[in-house]
Amino acid sequence: MLITKAPKGTQDLLPSDSWKWQYLEKSFDEICRVFGYRQIRFPTFEHTELFLRGVGDTTDIVQKQMYTFNDKGGRSVTLRPEGTASVARSYVENSLFQYPLPLKMYYTVPCFRYEKSQKGRLREFHQFGVEAFGATGPEIDAEVTSLAVAFLKSVGLDDIEVSINSIGCPECRAKYNEALKEFLRPKLDGLCDTCKSRFERNPLRILDCKSEECNRICSGAPRLLDYICDDCRQHFEGYKKSLENLGISYKVDDSVVRGLDYYTKTVFEIISGGFAVCGGGRYDGLIEEIGGDSTPAVGFGLGIERLLLRLQESGAKMPQKPVIDFYIVSMGEAAYKRAQEMAYKLRQKGVSCDVDFMHRSLKAQMKYADKLGATYTMVLGEDEIASGKGRIKNMATGEQNEVSLEELHSFFGR
């Protein structure tokens, strides 16, 4: 009888699939390196106040999805629902503003949101993210967007569409909120209870509601782009020109508002297969909101589970599962011990190598080596030990080469 199961909305990552994650992680590390971004790591949980103030207490994340609890000291802590607020907290706490600006960082982290488990959406999920602090111009917005586009294309996701928008600054957004409230006021009774509570405090969040009825009611609402100030409009035009300069196609979509309160001006999503695999934008007020000096910033989050799903659905070719270089088939106790010794020495030189631990027959060991995907095998018995030589077999071609047991590593160029 199974004692317990993994919690709902979580999943095990098995060895048969982990190579795909490793491939994506290495690819993301590399694209960030060439763009000049350095890795940051931060805690899995934070003080709850960080997300209340940073993400926004009228967002779905804070109102419905956070895993929040009191620790044994009575302090309220929350498993991170996203990465940006934690990076911003680290920026302030560790005085990272002393570094040369712009400061460009990236991360790969698990995040946690209590929501209905569905296709590509889990309660424990994983994100790639980048954040850039200190630059005010729209060119850095375009760079962040281009990094995401370059990464997605590098791993074989070609059917992507970049949707962009501007949600303005707090000043021009206040004017829009009044216009939106005027539009929604006659329809208020039809909104869900959550959106009714947002009406006075943060009506923009109503546009991000997942309720079909709320979406229907919001159709025909005033366009936020019609209310942004001259400075925000100039920034948005600069963002568009920068994307065009980089050769990145985009479409302006005024339904893109993102689900986090810290965003200002630029917001964008990258769509594939009908849903967003990446989203981000500018958040010039977040650092000041959590206690630092006013600092411009921009970044994105990219869901790994969703990306893997889209790669599978689109038929994108991923590199073959890594194979073991060499398998030593041992016959007899003396050969078994010698095989372990040889494997250890080869591993120290960087050759991936394995031996039998199940005391299988020669035939069974060869079958096992084949299942492992071993590139080469060698049968080791009394004759090979006595002569100090063995024959390495290429499992794909059947070609065999005689080698010295003492110089075996040279066959692999090590």
Protein backbone atom coordinates (compact mmCIF):
# COMPACT_ATOMS: atom_id res chain seq x y z
CA MET A 1 0.00 0.00 0.00
CA LEU A 2 1.35 3.42 -0.97
CA ILE A 3 1.82 5.45 2.20
CA THR A 4 1.43 8.83 0.55
CA LYS A 5 1.38 10.57 -2.79
CA ALA A 6 2.96 13.79 -4.03
CA PRO A 7 0.78 16.80 -3.08
CA LYS A 8 -1.76 17.91 -5.66
CA GLY A 9 -0.27 20.31 -8.17
CA THR A 10 3.27 18.96 -7.80
CA GLN A 11 5.16 16.38 -9.81
CA ASP A 12 8.29 14.28 -9.66
CA LEU A 13 11.01 14.92 -12.20
CA LEU A 14 12.22 11.47 -13.21
CA PRO A 15 15.66 10.57 -14.64
CA SER A 16 13.99 9.82 -17.99
CA ASP A 17 13.00 13.51 -18.26
CA SER A 18 15.57 15.39 -16.18
CA TRP A 19 17.98 15.63 -19.14
CA LYS A 20 15.48 17.90 -20.90
CA TRP A 21 15.49 20.28 -17.93
CA GLN A 22 19.28 20.20 -17.80
CA TYR A 23 19.40 21.05 -21.49
CA LEU A 24 17.07 24.04 -21.04
CA GLU A 25 18.92 25.23 -17.92
CA LYS A 26 22.29 25.08 -19.69
CA SER A 27 20.82 26.86 -22.71
CA PHE A 28 19.40 29.61 -20.50
CA ASP A 29 22.68 29.96 -18.61
CA GLU A 30 24.50 30.38 -21.91
CA ILE A 31 22.10 32.93 -23.45
CA CYS A 32 22.26 34.99 -20.25
CA ARG A 33 26.06 34.82 -20.30
CA VAL A 34 26.30 36.17 -23.84
CA PHE A 35 23.85 38.96 -22.96
CA GLY A 36 25.96 39.90 -19.92
CA TYR A 37 23.62 38.70 -17.15
CA ARG A 38 24.98 37.06 -13.99
CA GLN A 39 23.20 34.56 -11.78
CA ILE A 40 21.58 35.41 -8.46
CA ARG A 41 20.15 32.93 -5.95
CA PHE A 42 17.76 33.77 -3.14
CA PRO A 43 15.60 32.09 -0.45
CA THR A 44 12.58 29.94 -1.22
CA PHE A 45 10.48 31.86 1.31
CA GLU A 46 10.31 35.52 2.30
CA HIS A 47 8.54 37.66 4.86
CA THR A 48 4.95 37.94 3.67
CA GLU A 49 5.04 41.75 3.70
CA LEU A 50 7.44 41.71 0.74
CA PHE A 51 4.78 40.23 -1.53
CA LEU A 52 1.94 42.26 -0.04
CA ARG A 53 3.77 45.49 -0.83
CA GLY A 54 5.64 44.39 -3.94
CA VAL A 55 3.21 42.18 -5.84
CA GLY A 56 0.12 44.03 -4.61
CA ASP A 57 -2.64 43.02 -2.19
CA THR A 58 -5.37 43.26 -4.84
CA THR A 59 -3.74 40.78 -7.22
CA ASP A 60 -4.93 37.19 -7.65
CA ILE A 61 -1.54 36.01 -6.41
CA VAL A 62 -1.87 37.71 -3.03
CA GLN A 63 -5.63 37.33 -2.61
CA LYS A 64 -5.96 33.70 -3.67
CA GLN A 65 -2.72 31.91 -4.44
CA MET A 66 0.03 32.47 -1.87
CA TYR A 67 1.24 29.76 0.47
CA THR A 68 1.46 31.80 3.66
CA PHE A 69 1.99 30.51 7.18
CA ASN A 70 3.41 31.50 10.57
CA ASP A 71 6.78 30.01 11.44
CA LYS A 72 7.64 28.77 14.93
CA GLY A 73 8.61 32.29 15.93
CA GLY A 74 5.16 33.59 14.98
CA ARG A 75 6.45 35.43 11.91
CA SER A 76 4.35 35.37 8.73
CA VAL A 77 6.35 33.91 5.86
CA THR A 78 5.36 33.00 2.30
CA LEU A 79 6.74 30.56 -0.25
CA ARG A 80 7.73 32.77 -3.15
CA PRO A 81 4.99 33.01 -5.81
CA GLU A 82 7.37 34.75 -8.25
CA GLY A 83 10.99 35.87 -8.44
CA THR A 84 11.11 39.61 -9.07
CA ALA A 85 10.15 40.77 -5.56
CA SER A 86 12.88 38.60 -4.02
CA VAL A 87 15.53 39.97 -6.39
CA ALA A 88 14.38 43.51 -5.61
CA ARG A 89 14.61 42.79 -1.87
CA SER A 90 18.14 41.43 -2.33
CA TYR A 91 19.08 44.49 -4.40
CA VAL A 92 18.11 46.78 -1.51
CA GLU A 93 19.32 44.63 1.38
CA ASN A 94 22.75 43.93 -0.14
CA SER A 95 23.28 47.45 -1.51
CA LEU A 96 23.67 46.12 -5.03
CA PHE A 97 23.20 49.67 -6.30
CA GLN A 98 26.92 50.08 -5.53
CA TYR A 99 27.72 47.79 -8.46
CA PRO A 100 28.23 49.31 -11.92
CA LEU A 101 24.82 49.95 -13.49
CA PRO A 102 22.87 48.61 -15.18
CA LEU A 103 23.05 45.57 -12.92
CA LYS A 104 21.83 42.58 -14.95
CA MET A 105 20.94 39.31 -13.20
CA TYR A 106 19.16 36.04 -13.94
CA TYR A 107 17.83 33.07 -11.98
CA THR A 108 16.20 29.65 -12.19
CA VAL A 109 13.82 28.96 -9.30
CA PRO A 110 10.79 26.97 -8.14
CA CYS A 111 7.72 29.09 -7.30
CA PHE A 112 4.51 28.25 -5.49
CA ARG A 113 0.91 29.30 -6.13
CA TYR A 114 -2.24 27.68 -4.84
CA GLU A 115 -4.42 27.50 -7.92
CA LYS A 116 -6.37 24.96 -9.94
CA SER A 117 -3.97 22.47 -11.51
CA GLN A 118 -4.33 22.45 -15.28
CA LYS A 119 -2.40 22.11 -18.51
CA GLY A 120 1.01 23.70 -18.06
CA ARG A 121 0.08 25.17 -14.67
CA LEU A 122 1.09 23.56 -11.39
CA ARG A 123 1.12 24.64 -7.74
CA GLU A 124 4.86 24.14 -7.64
CA PHE A 125 6.29 25.38 -10.91
CA HIS A 126 9.66 26.59 -12.13
CA GLN A 127 10.75 29.82 -13.74
CA PHE A 128 13.64 31.29 -15.61
CA GLY A 129 13.88 35.01 -14.96
CA VAL A 130 16.03 38.04 -15.68
CA GLU A 131 16.08 41.46 -14.02
CA ALA A 132 17.98 44.59 -15.04
CA PHE A 133 18.30 47.54 -12.62
CA GLY A 134 19.37 51.12 -13.22
CA ALA A 135 18.61 51.93 -16.87
CA THR A 136 15.71 54.27 -17.68
CA GLY A 137 15.63 54.09 -21.48
CA PRO A 138 13.42 51.78 -23.55
CA GLU A 139 16.46 50.15 -25.14
CA ILE A 140 16.96 47.94 -22.05
CA ASP A 141 13.29 46.91 -22.26
CA ALA A 142 13.97 45.75 -25.82
CA GLU A 143 17.12 43.92 -24.74
CA VAL A 144 15.24 41.99 -22.06
CA THR A 145 12.55 41.09 -24.59
CA SER A 146 15.17 40.09 -27.16
CA LEU A 147 16.91 37.84 -24.63
CA ALA A 148 13.67 35.91 -24.12
CA VAL A 149 13.09 35.68 -27.87
CA ALA A 150 16.67 34.53 -28.52
CA PHE A 151 16.43 31.87 -25.84
CA LEU A 152 13.11 30.48 -27.06
CA LYS A 153 14.37 30.30 -30.64
CA SER A 154 17.65 28.71 -29.53
CA VAL A 155 15.78 25.76 -28.00
CA GLY A 156 13.60 25.29 -31.08
CA LEU A 157 10.40 27.21 -30.31
CA ASP A 158 9.80 29.14 -33.53
CA ASP A 159 6.04 29.76 -33.43
CA ILE A 160 6.20 32.68 -31.03
CA GLU A 161 4.40 36.00 -31.08
CA VAL A 162 5.53 39.02 -29.04
CA SER A 163 2.60 41.05 -27.68
CA ILE A 164 3.42 44.43 -26.13
CA ASN A 165 1.59 47.21 -24.34
CA SER A 166 2.14 50.17 -22.06
CA ILE A 167 0.19 50.47 -18.82
CA GLY A 168 1.63 53.91 -18.10
CA CYS A 169 2.95 55.38 -14.88
CA PRO A 170 1.00 55.87 -11.62
CA GLU A 171 0.01 59.39 -12.67
CA CYS A 172 -1.53 58.61 -16.06
CA ARG A 173 -2.88 55.29 -14.84
CA ALA A 174 -4.90 57.13 -12.19
CA LYS A 175 -6.74 58.97 -14.97
CA TYR A 176 -7.38 55.70 -16.75
CA ASN A 177 -8.68 54.07 -13.59
CA GLU A 178 -11.33 56.76 -13.30
CA ALA A 179 -12.41 56.20 -16.90
CA LEU A 180 -12.48 52.44 -16.36
CA LYS A 181 -14.58 52.83 -13.23
CA GLU A 182 -17.08 54.97 -15.12
CA PHE A 183 -17.32 52.24 -17.75
CA LEU A 184 -17.72 49.44 -15.20
CA ARG A 185 -19.98 51.15 -12.68
CA PRO A 186 -23.28 50.28 -14.47
CA LYS A 187 -22.05 46.69 -14.82
CA LEU A 188 -20.73 46.29 -11.29
CA ASP A 189 -23.38 43.79 -10.14
CA GLY A 190 -22.28 41.32 -12.83
CA LEU A 191 -18.66 41.20 -11.69
CA CYS A 192 -17.34 38.41 -9.47
CA ASP A 193 -16.93 39.19 -5.75
CA THR A 194 -13.16 39.55 -6.11
CA CYS A 195 -13.51 42.12 -8.88
CA LYS A 196 -16.16 44.02 -6.92
CA SER A 197 -13.61 44.39 -4.12
CA ARG A 198 -11.06 45.68 -6.63
CA PHE A 199 -13.37 48.28 -8.15
CA GLU A 200 -12.45 51.16 -5.84
CA ARG A 201 -8.88 50.24 -4.93
CA ASN A 202 -7.42 48.87 -8.17
CA PRO A 203 -9.85 48.59 -11.09
CA LEU A 204 -7.05 47.73 -13.54
CA ARG A 205 -6.83 44.30 -11.92
CA ILE A 206 -10.38 43.58 -13.10
CA LEU A 207 -9.03 43.40 -16.65
CA ASP A 208 -6.77 40.55 -15.54
CA CYS A 209 -9.58 38.46 -14.02
CA LYS A 210 -9.82 34.85 -15.25
CA SER A 211 -13.64 34.81 -15.01
CA GLU A 212 -15.31 34.52 -18.42
CA GLU A 213 -18.18 36.71 -17.27
CA CYS A 214 -15.83 39.44 -16.05
CA ASN A 215 -13.96 39.24 -19.35
CA ARG A 216 -17.23 39.65 -21.24
CA ILE A 217 -18.21 42.65 -19.13
CA CYS A 218 -14.81 44.25 -19.73
CA SER A 219 -15.02 43.89 -23.50
CA GLY A 220 -15.29 47.37 -24.98
CA ALA A 221 -13.59 48.99 -21.98
CA PRO A 222 -11.53 52.14 -22.61
CA ARG A 223 -8.04 51.50 -24.00
CA LEU A 224 -5.30 52.22 -21.52
CA LEU A 225 -3.03 53.37 -24.35
CA ASP A 226 -5.42 56.27 -24.98
CA TYR A 227 -4.71 57.63 -21.49
CA ILE A 228 -0.93 57.35 -21.10
CA CYS A 229 1.02 60.59 -20.64
CA ASP A 230 3.53 62.02 -23.13
CA ASP A 231 6.52 60.59 -21.26
CA CYS A 232 5.04 57.09 -21.18
CA ARG A 233 4.01 57.34 -24.83
CA GLN A 234 7.51 58.46 -25.81
CA HIS A 235 8.97 55.52 -23.87
CA PHE A 236 6.59 53.09 -25.59
CA GLU A 237 7.46 54.45 -29.03
CA GLY A 238 11.14 54.07 -28.18
CA TYR A 239 10.53 50.47 -27.10
CA LYS A 240 8.82 49.69 -30.40
CA LYS A 241 11.61 51.29 -32.42
CA SER A 242 14.25 49.38 -30.44
CA LEU A 243 12.48 46.08 -31.13
CA GLU A 244 12.29 46.96 -34.81
CA ASN A 245 15.98 47.83 -34.80
CA LEU A 246 16.70 44.34 -33.44
CA GLY A 247 14.51 42.74 -36.08
CA ILE A 248 11.92 41.51 -33.58
CA SER A 249 8.34 41.41 -34.82
CA TYR A 250 5.61 42.38 -32.36
CA LYS A 251 1.97 43.37 -32.10
CA VAL A 252 0.46 45.97 -29.80
CA ASP A 253 -2.19 44.31 -27.63
CA ASP A 254 -3.99 46.51 -25.10
CA SER A 255 -5.31 43.43 -23.27
CA VAL A 256 -1.79 42.73 -21.95
CA VAL A 257 -1.76 44.24 -18.45
CA ARG A 258 0.08 41.48 -16.50
CA GLY A 259 -1.13 40.28 -13.12
CA LEU A 260 1.28 42.11 -10.81
CA ASP A 261 0.91 45.60 -9.42
CA TYR A 262 4.56 46.59 -9.65
CA TYR A 263 4.55 46.97 -13.44
CA THR A 264 4.84 50.43 -15.01
CA LYS A 265 5.07 51.49 -18.65
CA THR A 266 6.29 48.50 -20.70
CA VAL A 267 4.56 45.14 -20.41
CA PHE A 268 4.96 42.22 -22.80
CA GLU A 269 4.04 38.60 -23.29
CA ILE A 270 5.44 35.96 -25.62
CA ILE A 271 2.70 33.68 -26.89
CA SER A 272 3.05 30.18 -28.32
CA GLY A 273 0.29 27.71 -29.01
CA GLY A 274 -2.34 30.08 -27.69
CA PHE A 275 -0.91 30.76 -24.24
CA ALA A 276 1.86 32.85 -22.72
CA VAL A 277 5.16 31.09 -22.08
CA CYS A 278 6.88 34.30 -20.98
CA GLY A 279 5.79 37.63 -19.53
CA GLY A 280 7.48 40.69 -18.18
CA GLY A 281 7.91 44.42 -18.26
CA ARG A 282 9.18 47.49 -16.45
CA TYR A 283 8.72 48.12 -12.72
CA ASP A 284 10.27 51.47 -11.89
CA GLY A 285 8.51 51.86 -8.53
CA LEU A 286 9.18 48.49 -6.89
CA ILE A 287 12.56 49.23 -5.29
CA GLU A 288 11.20 52.39 -3.68
CA GLU A 289 8.04 50.54 -2.58
CA ILE A 290 10.07 48.06 -0.53
CA GLY A 291 12.32 50.67 1.08
CA GLY A 292 15.09 51.49 -1.39
CA ASP A 293 15.85 54.53 -3.48
CA SER A 294 13.90 55.09 -6.67
CA THR A 295 15.43 52.74 -9.24
CA PRO A 296 14.28 51.91 -12.78
CA ALA A 297 14.09 48.19 -13.54
CA VAL A 298 12.78 45.71 -16.09
CA GLY A 299 12.61 41.92 -16.33
CA PHE A 300 10.64 38.82 -17.23
CA GLY A 301 9.60 35.39 -15.96
CA LEU A 302 9.44 32.32 -18.20
CA GLY A 303 7.66 29.12 -17.11
CA ILE A 304 9.76 26.00 -17.64
CA GLU A 305 6.86 23.52 -17.49
CA ARG A 306 4.93 25.51 -20.07
CA LEU A 307 7.98 25.76 -22.29
CA LEU A 308 8.55 22.00 -22.18
CA LEU A 309 4.90 21.41 -23.01
CA ARG A 310 5.05 23.73 -26.01
CA LEU A 311 8.29 22.20 -27.25
CA GLN A 312 6.66 18.79 -27.14
CA GLU A 313 3.45 19.96 -28.82
CA SER A 314 5.28 21.82 -31.56
CA GLY A 315 7.52 18.86 -32.36
CA ALA A 316 10.69 20.82 -31.66
CA LYS A 317 13.82 18.69 -31.77
CA MET A 318 15.75 18.56 -28.51
CA PRO A 319 19.22 17.04 -28.22
CA GLN A 320 19.27 13.31 -27.60
CA LYS A 321 19.30 12.11 -24.04
CA PRO A 322 22.93 12.03 -22.84
CA VAL A 323 24.45 8.55 -23.13
CA ILE A 324 27.09 6.81 -21.08
CA ASP A 325 30.46 6.62 -22.82
CA PHE A 326 31.63 3.20 -21.73
CA TYR A 327 30.34 0.06 -20.05
CA ILE A 328 32.67 -2.66 -18.73
CA VAL A 329 31.17 -6.13 -18.86
CA SER A 330 32.91 -8.22 -16.19
CA MET A 331 33.14 -12.01 -16.02
CA GLY A 332 34.24 -13.45 -12.68
CA GLU A 333 35.06 -12.00 -9.29
CA ALA A 334 38.56 -10.81 -10.19
CA ALA A 335 37.25 -9.05 -13.29
CA TYR A 336 34.40 -7.53 -11.27
CA LYS A 337 36.86 -5.89 -8.87
CA ARG A 338 39.18 -4.79 -11.68
CA ALA A 339 36.24 -3.29 -13.59
CA GLN A 340 35.33 -1.13 -10.61
CA GLU A 341 38.94 0.03 -10.32
CA MET A 342 39.14 0.86 -14.03
CA ALA A 343 35.81 2.66 -13.99
CA TYR A 344 36.88 4.83 -11.06
CA LYS A 345 40.08 5.90 -12.84
CA LEU A 346 38.21 6.67 -16.07
CA ARG A 347 35.59 8.71 -14.21
CA GLN A 348 38.37 10.79 -12.65
CA LYS A 349 39.45 11.66 -16.19
CA GLY A 350 35.93 12.68 -17.20
CA VAL A 351 34.84 9.50 -19.01
CA SER A 352 31.29 8.51 -18.08
CA CYS A 353 31.58 4.84 -17.25
CA ASP A 354 29.55 2.12 -15.58
CA VAL A 355 29.94 -1.50 -14.46
CA ASP A 356 27.71 -4.39 -13.38
CA PHE A 357 26.46 -4.39 -9.79
CA MET A 358 23.78 -7.05 -10.18
CA HIS A 359 26.04 -10.03 -10.99
CA ARG A 360 24.30 -10.55 -14.33
CA SER A 361 25.37 -12.93 -17.07
CA LEU A 362 27.42 -11.65 -20.00
CA LYS A 363 24.32 -11.56 -22.23
CA ALA A 364 22.28 -9.72 -19.59
CA GLN A 365 25.07 -7.16 -19.04
CA MET A 366 25.23 -6.44 -22.76
CA LYS A 367 21.47 -5.90 -22.86
CA TYR A 368 21.75 -3.55 -19.89
CA ALA A 369 24.58 -1.61 -21.54
CA ASP A 370 22.41 -1.24 -24.64
CA LYS A 371 19.48 0.05 -22.58
CA LEU A 372 21.79 2.61 -20.97
CA GLY A 373 22.76 3.80 -24.42
CA ALA A 374 26.46 3.03 -23.89
CA THR A 375 28.57 4.17 -26.84
CA TYR A 376 31.29 1.58 -26.18
CA THR A 377 31.55 -1.70 -24.25
CA MET A 378 34.37 -4.02 -23.32
CA VAL A 379 34.24 -7.58 -21.98
CA LEU A 380 36.69 -8.04 -19.13
CA GLY A 381 37.60 -11.58 -18.00
CA GLU A 382 40.59 -13.64 -16.90
CA ASP A 383 42.23 -13.57 -20.36
CA GLU A 384 42.03 -9.78 -20.62
CA ILE A 385 43.43 -9.32 -17.12
CA ALA A 386 46.28 -11.74 -17.84
CA SER A 387 47.24 -10.08 -21.14
CA GLY A 388 46.65 -6.55 -19.96
CA LYS A 389 44.64 -5.89 -23.11
CA GLY A 390 40.97 -5.77 -24.06
CA ARG A 391 38.78 -5.07 -27.05
CA ILE A 392 36.53 -2.03 -27.07
CA LYS A 393 33.38 -2.41 -29.15
CA ASN A 394 31.51 0.44 -30.79
CA MET A 395 27.87 -0.44 -30.05
CA ALA A 396 26.56 1.41 -33.11
CA THR A 397 28.93 0.06 -35.77
CA GLY A 398 30.23 -3.17 -34.19
CA GLU A 399 33.83 -2.05 -34.85
CA GLN A 400 36.35 -3.32 -32.28
CA ASN A 401 39.74 -1.95 -31.22
CA GLU A 402 42.35 -3.60 -29.02
CA VAL A 403 43.58 -1.34 -26.21
CA SER A 404 45.88 -1.53 -23.21
CA LEU A 405 43.98 -1.77 -19.93
CA GLU A 406 46.49 0.59 -18.32
CA GLU A 407 46.15 3.19 -21.10
CA LEU A 408 42.41 2.82 -21.59
CA HIS A 409 41.80 6.52 -21.00
CA SER A 410 43.83 7.41 -24.11
CA PHE A 411 41.21 5.74 -26.30
CA PHE A 412 38.76 8.41 -25.12
CA GLY A 413 41.29 11.20 -25.66
CA ARG A 414 41.72 11.88 -21.96
